[in-house]
Amino acid sequence: MEHPSLQYLHECFDLDASKGELRWKQRPVTHFVSKDQQKRMNSRLAGKVAGYRTKKEKRQCVTVDGKAYLSSRLVYALHHDIPLSQLPDLIDHKDCDTQNDRPSNLRPATHVQNNGNQKLSSNNTSGLKGATWNKRLRKWSAQIRVHGKLKHLGLFDDPAEAHAAYLAAAKRHFGEFARAA
């Protein structure tokens, strides 16, 4: 299925960049199969926030002509005037809040960069990213996952040292996408 053109998206939505929201515009009759449908849809939707939240990921999605798009992708496209077909594969949320679709919070990313910008795992027991207790060796182990492979960074007496080793490796592998916690 072909993506809607950038012009079509501009005809559909007003972007409130300060909130990261898309609002439906009064759309022209060319967007609909009939004048009656145009009237019904515009009276029901025009001026309202576009989209719905997914249950599992709690991300904002917007349906355009029967195809669902992540709101963040539409916001990024409209804000930067980039056709959907030319968007990068991933749009990263700098603050890891997938509900914050403000353009200032969005950036293009590779899968590796996007994985580098993840919050501390909920099952982390040390409270420090990259630091895990090795029960057998009775040491703190530092490790990082890059390109799907787990890399061992060393063993340490102190969890802060293991975390510091992780942070150095994260900076090297993920650059500005490295997240400390």
Protein backbone atom coordinates (compact mmCIF):
# COMPACT_ATOMS: atom_id res chain seq x y z
CA MET A 1 0.00 0.00 0.00
CA GLU A 2 1.32 3.40 -0.95
CA HIS A 3 1.72 6.10 1.69
CA PRO A 4 -0.35 9.29 1.52
CA SER A 5 1.54 12.25 0.09
CA LEU A 6 2.93 15.00 2.29
CA GLN A 7 0.44 17.43 0.74
CA TYR A 8 -2.40 15.06 1.63
CA LEU A 9 -1.17 14.88 5.24
CA HIS A 10 -0.99 18.69 5.42
CA GLU A 11 -4.61 18.76 4.20
CA CYS A 12 -5.59 16.29 6.95
CA PHE A 13 -3.80 17.63 10.02
CA ASP A 14 -2.78 20.68 11.98
CA LEU A 15 0.34 19.98 14.04
CA ASP A 16 0.55 21.49 17.51
CA ALA A 17 4.32 21.15 17.98
CA SER A 18 4.20 22.39 21.61
CA LYS A 19 2.03 19.38 22.55
CA GLY A 20 3.10 16.92 19.87
CA GLU A 21 -0.52 16.54 18.79
CA LEU A 22 -2.18 16.17 15.43
CA ARG A 23 -5.65 17.63 15.02
CA TRP A 24 -7.98 16.84 12.16
CA LYS A 25 -8.65 19.72 9.78
CA GLN A 26 -11.76 20.41 7.75
CA ARG A 27 -10.86 18.11 4.88
CA PRO A 28 -11.73 18.70 1.21
CA VAL A 29 -14.29 16.61 -0.64
CA THR A 30 -11.49 14.97 -2.67
CA HIS A 31 -10.57 12.99 0.48
CA PHE A 32 -13.95 11.26 0.52
CA VAL A 33 -16.17 9.16 -1.71
CA SER A 34 -19.07 11.60 -1.41
CA LYS A 35 -20.00 15.05 -0.21
CA ASP A 36 -22.22 13.44 2.46
CA GLN A 37 -19.29 11.44 3.84
CA GLN A 38 -17.15 14.61 3.85
CA LYS A 39 -19.80 16.47 5.80
CA ARG A 40 -20.27 13.63 8.33
CA MET A 41 -16.56 13.12 8.92
CA ASN A 42 -15.68 16.82 9.14
CA SER A 43 -18.54 17.51 11.57
CA ARG A 44 -17.42 14.54 13.71
CA LEU A 45 -13.61 14.96 13.59
CA ALA A 46 -12.50 18.47 12.57
CA GLY A 47 -10.63 20.17 15.41
CA LYS A 48 -10.29 16.97 17.47
CA VAL A 49 -7.04 15.23 18.38
CA ALA A 50 -6.35 12.55 15.79
CA GLY A 51 -5.79 8.96 16.71
CA TYR A 52 -6.03 6.44 19.51
CA ARG A 53 -3.71 4.87 22.08
CA THR A 54 -2.63 1.26 21.59
CA LYS A 55 -3.38 -0.90 24.64
CA LYS A 56 -0.11 -2.79 24.86
CA GLU A 57 2.45 -0.09 24.03
CA LYS A 58 0.31 2.95 24.94
CA ARG A 59 1.49 4.71 21.78
CA GLN A 60 -0.59 7.15 19.79
CA CYS A 61 -1.66 5.80 16.38
CA VAL A 62 -3.55 7.59 13.63
CA THR A 63 -5.46 5.91 10.82
CA VAL A 64 -5.21 7.62 7.45
CA ASP A 65 -7.24 6.09 4.62
CA GLY A 66 -7.48 2.73 6.37
CA LYS A 67 -3.78 2.42 7.29
CA ALA A 68 -2.51 2.92 10.84
CA TYR A 69 0.58 5.07 11.44
CA LEU A 70 2.42 5.86 14.63
CA SER A 71 1.67 9.47 15.48
CA SER A 72 5.38 10.10 16.08
CA ARG A 73 6.12 9.25 12.42
CA LEU A 74 3.41 11.61 11.15
CA VAL A 75 4.53 14.40 13.50
CA TYR A 76 8.15 13.98 12.38
CA ALA A 77 7.16 13.95 8.69
CA LEU A 78 4.93 17.03 8.96
CA HIS A 79 7.35 18.99 11.15
CA HIS A 80 10.33 18.33 8.88
CA ASP A 81 8.35 18.30 5.61
CA ILE A 82 9.56 14.81 4.72
CA PRO A 83 7.35 12.38 2.76
CA LEU A 84 6.49 9.20 4.69
CA SER A 85 8.27 7.12 2.07
CA GLN A 86 11.55 8.91 2.90
CA LEU A 87 11.38 8.66 6.70
CA PRO A 88 14.07 6.66 8.51
CA ASP A 89 13.08 3.19 9.72
CA LEU A 90 12.91 4.33 13.32
CA ILE A 91 11.95 7.55 15.08
CA ASP A 92 13.40 7.58 18.60
CA HIS A 93 11.86 9.35 21.59
CA LYS A 94 14.82 11.03 23.34
CA ASP A 95 13.16 10.84 26.76
CA CYS A 96 11.89 7.24 26.23
CA ASP A 97 8.31 8.49 26.70
CA THR A 98 6.49 7.11 23.66
CA GLN A 99 3.53 9.35 24.48
CA ASN A 100 5.67 12.50 24.10
CA ASP A 101 5.48 13.16 20.35
CA ARG A 102 6.77 16.74 20.49
CA PRO A 103 9.09 17.31 17.49
CA SER A 104 11.88 18.38 19.88
CA ASN A 105 11.70 14.90 21.47
CA LEU A 106 11.88 12.97 18.18
CA ARG A 107 14.97 12.00 16.20
CA PRO A 108 15.87 9.50 13.49
CA ALA A 109 17.63 6.39 14.78
CA THR A 110 19.08 3.07 13.76
CA HIS A 111 18.02 -0.08 15.63
CA VAL A 112 21.32 -0.07 17.54
CA GLN A 113 20.87 3.59 18.56
CA ASN A 114 17.27 3.00 19.56
CA ASN A 115 18.30 0.03 21.71
CA GLY A 116 20.98 2.19 23.35
CA ASN A 117 18.31 4.64 24.43
CA GLN A 118 16.37 2.27 26.67
CA LYS A 119 15.45 2.77 30.29
CA LEU A 120 16.75 0.59 33.09
CA SER A 121 15.07 -2.81 32.84
CA SER A 122 12.28 -3.43 35.35
CA ASN A 123 13.94 -6.71 36.42
CA ASN A 124 17.29 -5.00 37.17
CA THR A 125 18.21 -5.67 40.80
CA SER A 126 21.35 -3.53 41.09
CA GLY A 127 19.63 -0.28 40.17
CA LEU A 128 22.55 0.41 37.82
CA LYS A 129 22.39 -0.17 34.08
CA GLY A 130 24.87 -2.78 32.83
CA ALA A 131 25.79 -4.05 36.30
CA THR A 132 24.76 -7.55 37.40
CA TRP A 133 25.84 -9.68 40.34
CA ASN A 134 27.73 -12.86 39.42
CA LYS A 135 26.86 -15.21 42.28
CA ARG A 136 29.42 -17.88 41.35
CA LEU A 137 32.37 -15.47 41.14
CA ARG A 138 31.02 -13.13 43.83
CA LYS A 139 31.78 -10.10 41.67
CA TRP A 140 29.85 -7.46 39.78
CA SER A 141 29.79 -8.12 36.05
CA ALA A 142 29.53 -5.35 33.47
CA GLN A 143 27.94 -6.16 30.12
CA ILE A 144 26.33 -4.45 27.15
CA ARG A 145 24.19 -5.68 24.27
CA VAL A 146 25.17 -4.40 20.81
CA HIS A 147 23.78 -5.72 17.51
CA GLY A 148 21.96 -8.41 19.51
CA LYS A 149 25.17 -9.76 21.02
CA LEU A 150 25.97 -9.58 24.72
CA LYS A 151 29.50 -8.26 25.33
CA HIS A 152 31.26 -8.91 28.62
CA LEU A 153 33.08 -5.78 29.89
CA GLY A 154 34.74 -7.11 33.02
CA LEU A 155 34.31 -8.11 36.66
CA PHE A 156 34.37 -5.60 39.52
CA ASP A 157 34.22 -5.47 43.30
CA ASP A 158 31.86 -2.50 43.28
CA PRO A 159 28.60 -2.15 41.28
CA ALA A 160 29.45 1.51 40.53
CA GLU A 161 32.64 0.39 38.77
CA ALA A 162 30.67 -2.11 36.65
CA HIS A 163 28.17 0.64 35.80
CA ALA A 164 31.01 3.00 34.85
CA ALA A 165 32.40 0.34 32.49
CA TYR A 166 28.93 0.00 30.94
CA LEU A 167 28.59 3.78 30.53
CA ALA A 168 31.97 4.04 28.76
CA ALA A 169 31.00 1.23 26.37
CA ALA A 170 27.53 2.72 25.82
CA LYS A 171 29.04 6.09 24.91
CA ARG A 172 31.38 4.34 22.45
CA HIS A 173 28.64 2.23 20.82
CA PHE A 174 25.58 4.49 21.06
CA GLY A 175 27.00 8.03 21.17
CA GLU A 176 24.30 10.59 21.96
CA PHE A 177 21.78 7.74 22.32
CA ALA A 178 23.57 6.27 25.36
CA ARG A 179 21.32 6.30 28.42
CA ALA A 180 22.69 6.00 31.95
CA ALA A 181 19.49 4.80 33.63
